[in-house]
Amino acid sequence: MKTILSLAVALAAIPVGASLLAPSPAESAEPTPPELVAAIAPDAPPLMDAAALRSRIDRLSARARTHSTRLGLRATPRGRADSRDGALTSRERRLSQIVAFLAERREVDLAVDERPAVPRERAEAPLARRYAAVVRHAKRLGIDRPARPRPAATPAGRAAQLARWTAIARWLGDRTERLRADERPLSQRIPNYDAWMCIASHEAGPEHGGWRANTGNGYYGGLQMDRQFQRTYAPMLYRTKGTADNWTAEEQMRTAERARVTRGFHPWPNTARMCGLL
């Protein structure tokens, strides 16, 4: 702006008689010298003819495609360029801005389809470490080892698994109490728990009283033990509580387990066979 004002003041100071020296209309049609354009607007790009503009546009387009490929972007397909000088100048200016912008970007080093895949062992390592921490804490607290998780197939699924097992490891890590043996679930305290539950469901279902079954057939409880069986494998319980229908489910299964050590599941030949134990 200061340059333009200075030029205006200088032109106003020229005597009126100098107009006689003004160029003819034919001479005024000549293009403005580049030096004068640079003096009036120093930030303006140098003037180029149509051929030079097209050559520069081609070079800028190639540089824009190179940067797009580096950043993993899809290059815009080239359309038919307008051959008018004004359109060429506008396109050259726009491409210059795009190239300057893309050249400063460092968000993506490789295109998405060119990035190396993360090895499966490396992707599953964090989950394996969290699981190992959970196992250590569980052992310290007297808790059974949890089942090993199967890594998810997708990154999002593995991230959710990692967050879950991290939370479990932190929760167990903050625990200081240790479970007593009698505080564990019955399924963890009784050997062959599933087998005894299956036999009991066939021997004396809920319709027959379940673990309190006493139908008068000479067999008692959920595992239908006769008196001789009870006196042999649980004499103290038989003397203090009576027949097995007065015992807890745990006491009945522990008595049956003592018999299984030496006799297997043969005292229950039909129901054990139905459960696939014989």
C-alpha atoms as a PDB file:
ATOM      1  CA  MET A   1       0.000   0.000   0.000  1.00  0.00           C
ATOM      2  CA  LYS A   2       2.849   2.419   0.827  1.00  0.00           C
ATOM      3  CA  THR A   3       4.404   1.642  -2.562  1.00  0.00           C
ATOM      4  CA  ILE A   4       1.148   2.438  -4.385  1.00  0.00           C
ATOM      5  CA  LEU A   5       0.711   5.735  -2.502  1.00  0.00           C
ATOM      6  CA  SER A   6       4.294   6.760  -3.260  1.00  0.00           C
ATOM      7  CA  LEU A   7       3.757   6.035  -6.939  1.00  0.00           C
ATOM      8  CA  ALA A   8       0.550   8.085  -6.943  1.00  0.00           C
ATOM      9  CA  VAL A   9       2.320  11.078  -5.357  1.00  0.00           C
ATOM     10  CA  ALA A  10       5.141  10.860  -7.917  1.00  0.00           C
ATOM     11  CA  LEU A  11       2.697  10.820 -10.814  1.00  0.00           C
ATOM     12  CA  ALA A  12       0.832  13.837  -9.436  1.00  0.00           C
ATOM     13  CA  ALA A  13       4.098  15.826  -9.317  1.00  0.00           C
ATOM     14  CA  ILE A  14       4.795  15.412 -13.054  1.00  0.00           C
ATOM     15  CA  PRO A  15       4.077  18.688 -14.987  1.00  0.00           C
ATOM     16  CA  VAL A  16       1.075  18.773 -17.188  1.00  0.00           C
ATOM     17  CA  GLY A  17       3.311  19.409 -20.185  1.00  0.00           C
ATOM     18  CA  ALA A  18       4.720  15.954 -19.802  1.00  0.00           C
ATOM     19  CA  SER A  19       1.527  14.622 -21.273  1.00  0.00           C
ATOM     20  CA  LEU A  20       2.934  15.558 -24.636  1.00  0.00           C
ATOM     21  CA  LEU A  21       5.518  12.855 -24.138  1.00  0.00           C
ATOM     22  CA  ALA A  22       2.875  10.166 -23.415  1.00  0.00           C
ATOM     23  CA  PRO A  23       3.108   7.091 -25.620  1.00  0.00           C
ATOM     24  CA  SER A  24       0.763   6.525 -28.488  1.00  0.00           C
ATOM     25  CA  PRO A  25      -2.214   4.127 -28.114  1.00  0.00           C
ATOM     26  CA  ALA A  26      -0.287   1.508 -30.054  1.00  0.00           C
ATOM     27  CA  GLU A  27       2.627   1.748 -27.660  1.00  0.00           C
ATOM     28  CA  SER A  28       0.367   1.638 -24.528  1.00  0.00           C
ATOM     29  CA  ALA A  29      -0.917  -1.781 -25.523  1.00  0.00           C
ATOM     30  CA  GLU A  30       2.436  -3.372 -24.682  1.00  0.00           C
ATOM     31  CA  PRO A  31       2.442  -5.611 -21.532  1.00  0.00           C
ATOM     32  CA  THR A  32       3.490  -4.113 -18.244  1.00  0.00           C
ATOM     33  CA  PRO A  33       7.183  -4.749 -17.563  1.00  0.00           C
ATOM     34  CA  PRO A  34       7.780  -7.346 -14.805  1.00  0.00           C
ATOM     35  CA  GLU A  35       9.956  -4.847 -12.916  1.00  0.00           C
ATOM     36  CA  LEU A  36       7.019  -2.436 -12.582  1.00  0.00           C
ATOM     37  CA  VAL A  37       4.678  -5.238 -11.448  1.00  0.00           C
ATOM     38  CA  ALA A  38       7.214  -6.289  -8.804  1.00  0.00           C
ATOM     39  CA  ALA A  39       7.486  -2.657  -7.624  1.00  0.00           C
ATOM     40  CA  ILE A  40       3.709  -2.251  -7.346  1.00  0.00           C
ATOM     41  CA  ALA A  41       2.902  -5.709  -5.845  1.00  0.00           C
ATOM     42  CA  PRO A  42       6.012  -7.444  -4.565  1.00  0.00           C
ATOM     43  CA  ASP A  43       4.028 -10.545  -3.417  1.00  0.00           C
ATOM     44  CA  ALA A  44       2.546 -11.268  -6.834  1.00  0.00           C
ATOM     45  CA  PRO A  45       3.999 -14.268  -8.751  1.00  0.00           C
ATOM     46  CA  PRO A  46       6.056 -13.503 -11.845  1.00  0.00           C
ATOM     47  CA  LEU A  47       4.081 -13.243 -15.018  1.00  0.00           C
ATOM     48  CA  MET A  48       4.188 -16.354 -17.239  1.00  0.00           C
ATOM     49  CA  ASP A  49       2.797 -17.083 -20.617  1.00  0.00           C
ATOM     50  CA  ALA A  50       0.286 -19.895 -21.241  1.00  0.00           C
ATOM     51  CA  ALA A  51       2.953 -22.490 -22.106  1.00  0.00           C
ATOM     52  CA  ALA A  52       4.928 -21.734 -18.940  1.00  0.00           C
ATOM     53  CA  LEU A  53       1.745 -21.902 -16.840  1.00  0.00           C
ATOM     54  CA  ARG A  54       0.809 -25.289 -18.271  1.00  0.00           C
ATOM     55  CA  SER A  55       4.306 -26.608 -17.596  1.00  0.00           C
ATOM     56  CA  ARG A  56       4.206 -25.372 -13.988  1.00  0.00           C
ATOM     57  CA  ILE A  57       0.708 -26.829 -13.503  1.00  0.00           C
ATOM     58  CA  ASP A  58       1.961 -30.239 -14.663  1.00  0.00           C
ATOM     59  CA  ARG A  59       4.879 -30.098 -12.213  1.00  0.00           C
ATOM     60  CA  LEU A  60       2.628 -29.026  -9.321  1.00  0.00           C
ATOM     61  CA  SER A  61       0.136 -31.786 -10.153  1.00  0.00           C
ATOM     62  CA  ALA A  62       2.900 -34.398 -10.048  1.00  0.00           C
ATOM     63  CA  ARG A  63       4.129 -33.096  -6.671  1.00  0.00           C
ATOM     64  CA  ALA A  64       0.567 -33.112  -5.294  1.00  0.00           C
ATOM     65  CA  ARG A  65       0.107 -36.753  -6.357  1.00  0.00           C
ATOM     66  CA  THR A  66       3.430 -37.686  -4.746  1.00  0.00           C
ATOM     67  CA  HIS A  67       2.434 -36.143  -1.419  1.00  0.00           C
ATOM     68  CA  SER A  68      -1.021 -37.728  -1.631  1.00  0.00           C
ATOM     69  CA  THR A  69       0.507 -41.166  -2.104  1.00  0.00           C
ATOM     70  CA  ARG A  70       2.866 -40.598   0.845  1.00  0.00           C
ATOM     71  CA  LEU A  71      -0.045 -39.634   3.107  1.00  0.00           C
ATOM     72  CA  GLY A  72      -2.273 -42.489   1.987  1.00  0.00           C
ATOM     73  CA  LEU A  73      -4.733 -40.167   0.255  1.00  0.00           C
ATOM     74  CA  ARG A  74      -6.518 -40.820  -2.984  1.00  0.00           C
ATOM     75  CA  ALA A  75      -5.449 -38.408  -5.690  1.00  0.00           C
ATOM     76  CA  THR A  76      -8.218 -36.511  -7.469  1.00  0.00           C
ATOM     77  CA  PRO A  77      -8.480 -37.562 -11.123  1.00  0.00           C
ATOM     78  CA  ARG A  78      -7.266 -34.921 -13.516  1.00  0.00           C
ATOM     79  CA  GLY A  79      -9.989 -33.182 -15.473  1.00  0.00           C
ATOM     80  CA  ARG A  80      -9.793 -31.201 -18.694  1.00  0.00           C
ATOM     81  CA  ALA A  81      -7.890 -27.992 -17.953  1.00  0.00           C
ATOM     82  CA  ASP A  82      -9.328 -24.668 -19.119  1.00  0.00           C
ATOM     83  CA  SER A  83      -6.967 -23.087 -21.647  1.00  0.00           C
ATOM     84  CA  ARG A  84      -7.871 -19.508 -20.799  1.00  0.00           C
ATOM     85  CA  ASP A  85      -5.091 -17.467 -19.192  1.00  0.00           C
ATOM     86  CA  GLY A  86      -7.216 -16.501 -16.204  1.00  0.00           C
ATOM     87  CA  ALA A  87      -8.222 -20.122 -15.558  1.00  0.00           C
ATOM     88  CA  LEU A  88      -4.611 -21.311 -15.871  1.00  0.00           C
ATOM     89  CA  THR A  89      -3.445 -18.704 -13.398  1.00  0.00           C
ATOM     90  CA  SER A  90      -6.192 -19.651 -10.918  1.00  0.00           C
ATOM     91  CA  ARG A  91      -5.373 -23.358 -11.263  1.00  0.00           C
ATOM     92  CA  GLU A  92      -1.652 -22.705 -10.778  1.00  0.00           C
ATOM     93  CA  ARG A  93      -2.343 -20.696  -7.620  1.00  0.00           C
ATOM     94  CA  ARG A  94      -4.657 -23.391  -6.207  1.00  0.00           C
ATOM     95  CA  LEU A  95      -2.173 -26.193  -6.890  1.00  0.00           C
ATOM     96  CA  SER A  96       0.597 -24.192  -5.229  1.00  0.00           C
ATOM     97  CA  GLN A  97      -1.494 -23.894  -2.069  1.00  0.00           C
ATOM     98  CA  ILE A  98      -2.342 -27.614  -2.097  1.00  0.00           C
ATOM     99  CA  VAL A  99       1.291 -28.661  -2.526  1.00  0.00           C
ATOM    100  CA  ALA A 100       2.408 -26.313   0.268  1.00  0.00           C
ATOM    101  CA  PHE A 101      -0.245 -27.753   2.576  1.00  0.00           C
ATOM    102  CA  LEU A 102       0.492 -31.415   1.796  1.00  0.00           C
ATOM    103  CA  ALA A 103       4.259 -30.945   2.069  1.00  0.00           C
ATOM    104  CA  GLU A 104       3.913 -29.982   5.757  1.00  0.00           C
ATOM    105  CA  ARG A 105       1.722 -32.941   6.711  1.00  0.00           C
ATOM    106  CA  ARG A 106       3.309 -35.808   8.658  1.00  0.00           C
ATOM    107  CA  GLU A 107       0.198 -37.582  10.006  1.00  0.00           C
ATOM    108  CA  VAL A 108       0.680 -40.781   7.986  1.00  0.00           C
ATOM    109  CA  ASP A 109       4.072 -42.062   6.903  1.00  0.00           C
ATOM    110  CA  LEU A 110       2.709 -44.756   4.605  1.00  0.00           C
ATOM    111  CA  ALA A 111      -0.462 -45.306   2.690  1.00  0.00           C
ATOM    112  CA  VAL A 112      -3.036 -47.449   4.502  1.00  0.00           C
ATOM    113  CA  ASP A 113      -2.571 -50.403   2.163  1.00  0.00           C
ATOM    114  CA  GLU A 114       1.227 -50.118   2.410  1.00  0.00           C
ATOM    115  CA  ARG A 115       1.534 -50.243   6.196  1.00  0.00           C
ATOM    116  CA  PRO A 116       3.020 -53.508   7.485  1.00  0.00           C
ATOM    117  CA  ALA A 117       0.560 -55.706   9.349  1.00  0.00           C
ATOM    118  CA  VAL A 118       1.160 -56.113  13.084  1.00  0.00           C
ATOM    119  CA  PRO A 119       2.422 -59.674  13.785  1.00  0.00           C
ATOM    120  CA  ARG A 120      -0.168 -61.796  15.582  1.00  0.00           C
ATOM    121  CA  GLU A 121       2.226 -62.622  18.414  1.00  0.00           C
ATOM    122  CA  ARG A 122       2.890 -58.935  18.987  1.00  0.00           C
ATOM    123  CA  ALA A 123      -0.827 -58.093  18.910  1.00  0.00           C
ATOM    124  CA  GLU A 124      -1.656 -60.821  21.460  1.00  0.00           C
ATOM    125  CA  ALA A 125       1.264 -60.121  23.828  1.00  0.00           C
ATOM    126  CA  PRO A 126      -0.507 -57.456  25.961  1.00  0.00           C
ATOM    127  CA  LEU A 127      -3.505 -59.743  26.518  1.00  0.00           C
ATOM    128  CA  ALA A 128      -1.212 -62.630  27.483  1.00  0.00           C
ATOM    129  CA  ARG A 129       0.554 -60.418  30.037  1.00  0.00           C
ATOM    130  CA  ARG A 130      -2.744 -59.325  31.596  1.00  0.00           C
ATOM    131  CA  TYR A 131      -3.916 -62.934  31.790  1.00  0.00           C
ATOM    132  CA  ALA A 132      -0.658 -63.971  33.477  1.00  0.00           C
ATOM    133  CA  ALA A 133      -1.153 -61.205  36.057  1.00  0.00           C
ATOM    134  CA  VAL A 134      -4.700 -62.413  36.743  1.00  0.00           C
ATOM    135  CA  VAL A 135      -3.430 -65.975  37.236  1.00  0.00           C
ATOM    136  CA  ARG A 136      -0.784 -64.802  39.737  1.00  0.00           C
ATOM    137  CA  HIS A 137      -3.323 -62.842  41.755  1.00  0.00           C
ATOM    138  CA  ALA A 138      -5.818 -65.714  41.650  1.00  0.00           C
ATOM    139  CA  LYS A 139      -3.210 -68.135  42.962  1.00  0.00           C
ATOM    140  CA  ARG A 140      -2.298 -65.740  45.759  1.00  0.00           C
ATOM    141  CA  LEU A 141      -5.951 -65.380  46.781  1.00  0.00           C
ATOM    142  CA  GLY A 142      -6.716 -69.088  46.569  1.00  0.00           C
ATOM    143  CA  ILE A 143      -8.958 -68.721  43.518  1.00  0.00           C
ATOM    144  CA  ASP A 144      -9.023 -71.216  40.672  1.00  0.00           C
ATOM    145  CA  ARG A 145      -7.141 -70.290  37.527  1.00  0.00           C
ATOM    146  CA  PRO A 146      -9.502 -68.635  35.001  1.00  0.00           C
ATOM    147  CA  ALA A 147      -9.792 -70.015  31.508  1.00  0.00           C
ATOM    148  CA  ARG A 148      -7.313 -68.544  29.047  1.00  0.00           C
ATOM    149  CA  PRO A 149      -9.045 -66.023  26.755  1.00  0.00           C
ATOM    150  CA  ARG A 150      -9.022 -66.604  23.035  1.00  0.00           C
ATOM    151  CA  PRO A 151      -7.836 -63.414  21.295  1.00  0.00           C
ATOM    152  CA  ALA A 152     -10.467 -61.716  19.178  1.00  0.00           C
ATOM    153  CA  ALA A 153     -10.031 -61.541  15.435  1.00  0.00           C
ATOM    154  CA  THR A 154     -10.365 -57.750  15.116  1.00  0.00           C
ATOM    155  CA  PRO A 155      -8.273 -54.972  16.688  1.00  0.00           C
ATOM    156  CA  ALA A 156     -11.398 -53.519  18.310  1.00  0.00           C
ATOM    157  CA  GLY A 157     -12.239 -56.879  19.873  1.00  0.00           C
ATOM    158  CA  ARG A 158      -8.689 -57.320  21.174  1.00  0.00           C
ATOM    159  CA  ALA A 159      -8.802 -53.815  22.664  1.00  0.00           C
ATOM    160  CA  ALA A 160     -12.039 -54.662  24.504  1.00  0.00           C
ATOM    161  CA  GLN A 161     -10.537 -57.913  25.801  1.00  0.00           C
ATOM    162  CA  LEU A 162      -7.416 -56.115  26.967  1.00  0.00           C
ATOM    163  CA  ALA A 163      -9.489 -53.510  28.826  1.00  0.00           C
ATOM    164  CA  ARG A 164     -11.552 -56.231  30.542  1.00  0.00           C
ATOM    165  CA  TRP A 165      -8.583 -58.310  31.685  1.00  0.00           C
ATOM    166  CA  THR A 166      -6.718 -55.189  32.774  1.00  0.00           C
ATOM    167  CA  ALA A 167      -9.665 -54.274  35.002  1.00  0.00           C
ATOM    168  CA  ILE A 168      -9.766 -57.812  36.444  1.00  0.00           C
ATOM    169  CA  ALA A 169      -6.031 -57.796  37.139  1.00  0.00           C
ATOM    170  CA  ARG A 170      -6.268 -54.441  38.908  1.00  0.00           C
ATOM    171  CA  TRP A 171      -9.261 -55.548  40.985  1.00  0.00           C
ATOM    172  CA  LEU A 172      -7.562 -58.767  42.080  1.00  0.00           C
ATOM    173  CA  GLY A 173      -4.317 -56.916  42.717  1.00  0.00           C
ATOM    174  CA  ASP A 174      -6.085 -54.725  45.268  1.00  0.00           C
ATOM    175  CA  ARG A 175      -7.486 -57.715  47.158  1.00  0.00           C
ATOM    176  CA  THR A 176      -5.642 -58.886  50.287  1.00  0.00           C
ATOM    177  CA  GLU A 177      -8.113 -61.435  51.654  1.00  0.00           C
ATOM    178  CA  ARG A 178      -7.742 -65.130  50.904  1.00  0.00           C
ATOM    179  CA  LEU A 179     -10.714 -67.451  50.501  1.00  0.00           C
ATOM    180  CA  ARG A 180     -11.015 -70.310  52.946  1.00  0.00           C
ATOM    181  CA  ALA A 181     -11.716 -73.769  51.601  1.00  0.00           C
ATOM    182  CA  ASP A 182     -15.307 -73.749  52.860  1.00  0.00           C
ATOM    183  CA  GLU A 183     -15.949 -70.384  51.170  1.00  0.00           C
ATOM    184  CA  ARG A 184     -15.385 -71.710  47.683  1.00  0.00           C
ATOM    185  CA  PRO A 185     -18.357 -72.724  45.525  1.00  0.00           C
ATOM    186  CA  LEU A 186     -19.544 -76.283  45.988  1.00  0.00           C
ATOM    187  CA  SER A 187     -18.477 -77.111  42.451  1.00  0.00           C
ATOM    188  CA  GLN A 188     -14.878 -76.289  43.443  1.00  0.00           C
ATOM    189  CA  ARG A 189     -14.944 -78.142  46.752  1.00  0.00           C
ATOM    190  CA  ILE A 190     -16.357 -81.486  45.608  1.00  0.00           C
ATOM    191  CA  PRO A 191     -14.340 -83.767  43.287  1.00  0.00           C
ATOM    192  CA  ASN A 192     -16.394 -85.018  40.322  1.00  0.00           C
ATOM    193  CA  TYR A 193     -19.093 -82.494  41.165  1.00  0.00           C
ATOM    194  CA  ASP A 194     -20.705 -82.618  37.714  1.00  0.00           C
ATOM    195  CA  ALA A 195     -20.819 -86.412  37.774  1.00  0.00           C
ATOM    196  CA  TRP A 196     -22.591 -86.505  41.147  1.00  0.00           C
ATOM    197  CA  MET A 197     -25.056 -83.856  40.074  1.00  0.00           C
ATOM    198  CA  CYS A 198     -25.887 -85.862  36.958  1.00  0.00           C
ATOM    199  CA  ILE A 199     -26.390 -89.072  38.932  1.00  0.00           C
ATOM    200  CA  ALA A 200     -28.565 -87.276  41.493  1.00  0.00           C
ATOM    201  CA  SER A 201     -30.781 -85.819  38.747  1.00  0.00           C
ATOM    202  CA  HIS A 202     -31.574 -89.394  37.575  1.00  0.00           C
ATOM    203  CA  GLU A 203     -31.675 -91.091  40.991  1.00  0.00           C
ATOM    204  CA  ALA A 204     -33.975 -88.639  42.755  1.00  0.00           C
ATOM    205  CA  GLY A 205     -35.171 -85.638  40.839  1.00  0.00           C
ATOM    206  CA  PRO A 206     -37.048 -82.712  42.368  1.00  0.00           C
ATOM    207  CA  GLU A 207     -40.320 -84.579  42.012  1.00  0.00           C
ATOM    208  CA  HIS A 208     -38.978 -87.212  44.439  1.00  0.00           C
ATOM    209  CA  GLY A 209     -37.522 -84.778  46.947  1.00  0.00           C
ATOM    210  CA  GLY A 210     -34.045 -84.304  45.505  1.00  0.00           C
ATOM    211  CA  TRP A 211     -31.385 -84.378  48.204  1.00  0.00           C
ATOM    212  CA  ARG A 212     -34.145 -84.895  50.814  1.00  0.00           C
ATOM    213  CA  ALA A 213     -35.619 -87.937  49.056  1.00  0.00           C
ATOM    214  CA  ASN A 214     -37.102 -90.607  51.347  1.00  0.00           C
ATOM    215  CA  THR A 215     -39.747 -92.524  49.423  1.00  0.00           C
ATOM    216  CA  GLY A 216     -39.738 -95.612  51.605  1.00  0.00           C
ATOM    217  CA  ASN A 217     -37.905 -97.818  49.104  1.00  0.00           C
ATOM    218  CA  GLY A 218     -34.915 -98.326  51.431  1.00  0.00           C
ATOM    219  CA  TYR A 219     -32.721 -95.722  49.699  1.00  0.00           C
ATOM    220  CA  TYR A 220     -32.155 -92.203  50.968  1.00  0.00           C
ATOM    221  CA  GLY A 221     -31.018 -88.803  49.715  1.00  0.00           C
ATOM    222  CA  GLY A 222     -30.206 -87.494  46.280  1.00  0.00           C
ATOM    223  CA  LEU A 223     -27.803 -90.351  45.537  1.00  0.00           C
ATOM    224  CA  GLN A 224     -30.157 -93.045  46.907  1.00  0.00           C
ATOM    225  CA  MET A 225     -27.778 -94.659  49.407  1.00  0.00           C
ATOM    226  CA  ASP A 226     -28.995 -97.561  51.532  1.00  0.00           C
ATOM    227  CA  ARG A 227     -28.275 -97.860  55.249  1.00  0.00           C
ATOM    228  CA  GLN A 228     -25.374-100.287  54.862  1.00  0.00           C
ATOM    229  CA  PHE A 229     -23.694 -97.896  52.394  1.00  0.00           C
ATOM    230  CA  GLN A 230     -24.132 -95.008  54.821  1.00  0.00           C
ATOM    231  CA  ARG A 231     -22.743 -96.942  57.799  1.00  0.00           C
ATOM    232  CA  THR A 232     -19.732 -98.024  55.738  1.00  0.00           C
ATOM    233  CA  TYR A 233     -18.662 -94.712  54.218  1.00  0.00           C
ATOM    234  CA  ALA A 234     -20.094 -92.145  56.671  1.00  0.00           C
ATOM    235  CA  PRO A 235     -20.533 -93.804  60.074  1.00  0.00           C
ATOM    236  CA  MET A 236     -20.252 -90.560  62.043  1.00  0.00           C
ATOM    237  CA  LEU A 237     -22.905 -88.818  59.964  1.00  0.00           C
ATOM    238  CA  TYR A 238     -25.178 -91.838  60.195  1.00  0.00           C
ATOM    239  CA  ARG A 239     -24.915 -91.883  63.989  1.00  0.00           C
ATOM    240  CA  THR A 240     -25.342 -88.123  64.480  1.00  0.00           C
ATOM    241  CA  LYS A 241     -27.820 -87.177  61.745  1.00  0.00           C
ATOM    242  CA  GLY A 242     -29.547 -90.377  60.793  1.00  0.00           C
ATOM    243  CA  THR A 243     -30.194 -91.396  57.211  1.00  0.00           C
ATOM    244  CA  ALA A 244     -28.790 -89.513  54.217  1.00  0.00           C
ATOM    245  CA  ASP A 245     -31.989 -87.565  53.547  1.00  0.00           C
ATOM    246  CA  ASN A 246     -31.035 -85.488  56.624  1.00  0.00           C
ATOM    247  CA  TRP A 247     -27.562 -84.690  55.289  1.00  0.00           C
ATOM    248  CA  THR A 248     -26.520 -81.737  53.194  1.00  0.00           C
ATOM    249  CA  ALA A 249     -25.834 -82.190  49.488  1.00  0.00           C
ATOM    250  CA  GLU A 250     -22.109 -81.701  50.153  1.00  0.00           C
ATOM    251  CA  GLU A 251     -22.092 -84.417  52.836  1.00  0.00           C
ATOM    252  CA  GLN A 252     -23.868 -86.845  50.521  1.00  0.00           C
ATOM    253  CA  MET A 253     -21.479 -86.197  47.620  1.00  0.00           C
ATOM    254  CA  ARG A 254     -18.403 -86.508  49.861  1.00  0.00           C
ATOM    255  CA  THR A 255     -19.657 -89.842  51.123  1.00  0.00           C
ATOM    256  CA  ALA A 256     -20.234 -91.037  47.554  1.00  0.00           C
ATOM    257  CA  GLU A 257     -16.765 -89.791  46.576  1.00  0.00           C
ATOM    258  CA  ARG A 258     -15.163 -91.925  49.312  1.00  0.00           C
ATOM    259  CA  ALA A 259     -16.909 -94.951  47.840  1.00  0.00           C
ATOM    260  CA  ARG A 260     -15.868 -94.016  44.300  1.00  0.00           C
ATOM    261  CA  VAL A 261     -12.166 -94.127  45.256  1.00  0.00           C
ATOM    262  CA  THR A 262     -12.341 -97.902  45.687  1.00  0.00           C
ATOM    263  CA  ARG A 263     -15.468 -98.909  43.737  1.00  0.00           C
ATOM    264  CA  GLY A 264     -15.794 -96.322  41.016  1.00  0.00           C
ATOM    265  CA  PHE A 265     -19.305 -95.439  39.919  1.00  0.00           C
ATOM    266  CA  HIS A 266     -20.506 -99.062  39.991  1.00  0.00           C
ATOM    267  CA  PRO A 267     -22.814 -98.582  43.023  1.00  0.00           C
ATOM    268  CA  TRP A 268     -24.980 -96.555  40.588  1.00  0.00           C
ATOM    269  CA  PRO A 269     -24.819 -98.805  37.510  1.00  0.00           C
ATOM    270  CA  ASN A 270     -27.838 -97.496  35.596  1.00  0.00           C
ATOM    271  CA  THR A 271     -27.653 -93.775  36.274  1.00  0.00           C
ATOM    272  CA  ALA A 272     -23.842 -93.669  35.971  1.00  0.00           C
ATOM    273  CA  ARG A 273     -24.193 -95.306  32.556  1.00  0.00           C
ATOM    274  CA  MET A 274     -26.831 -92.728  31.609  1.00  0.00           C
ATOM    275  CA  CYS A 275     -24.326 -90.013  32.535  1.00  0.00           C
ATOM    276  CA  GLY A 276     -21.579 -91.617  30.473  1.00  0.00           C
ATOM    277  CA  LEU A 277     -19.491 -92.607  33.503  1.00  0.00           C
ATOM    278  CA  LEU A 278     -19.505 -96.363  32.841  1.00  0.00           C
END
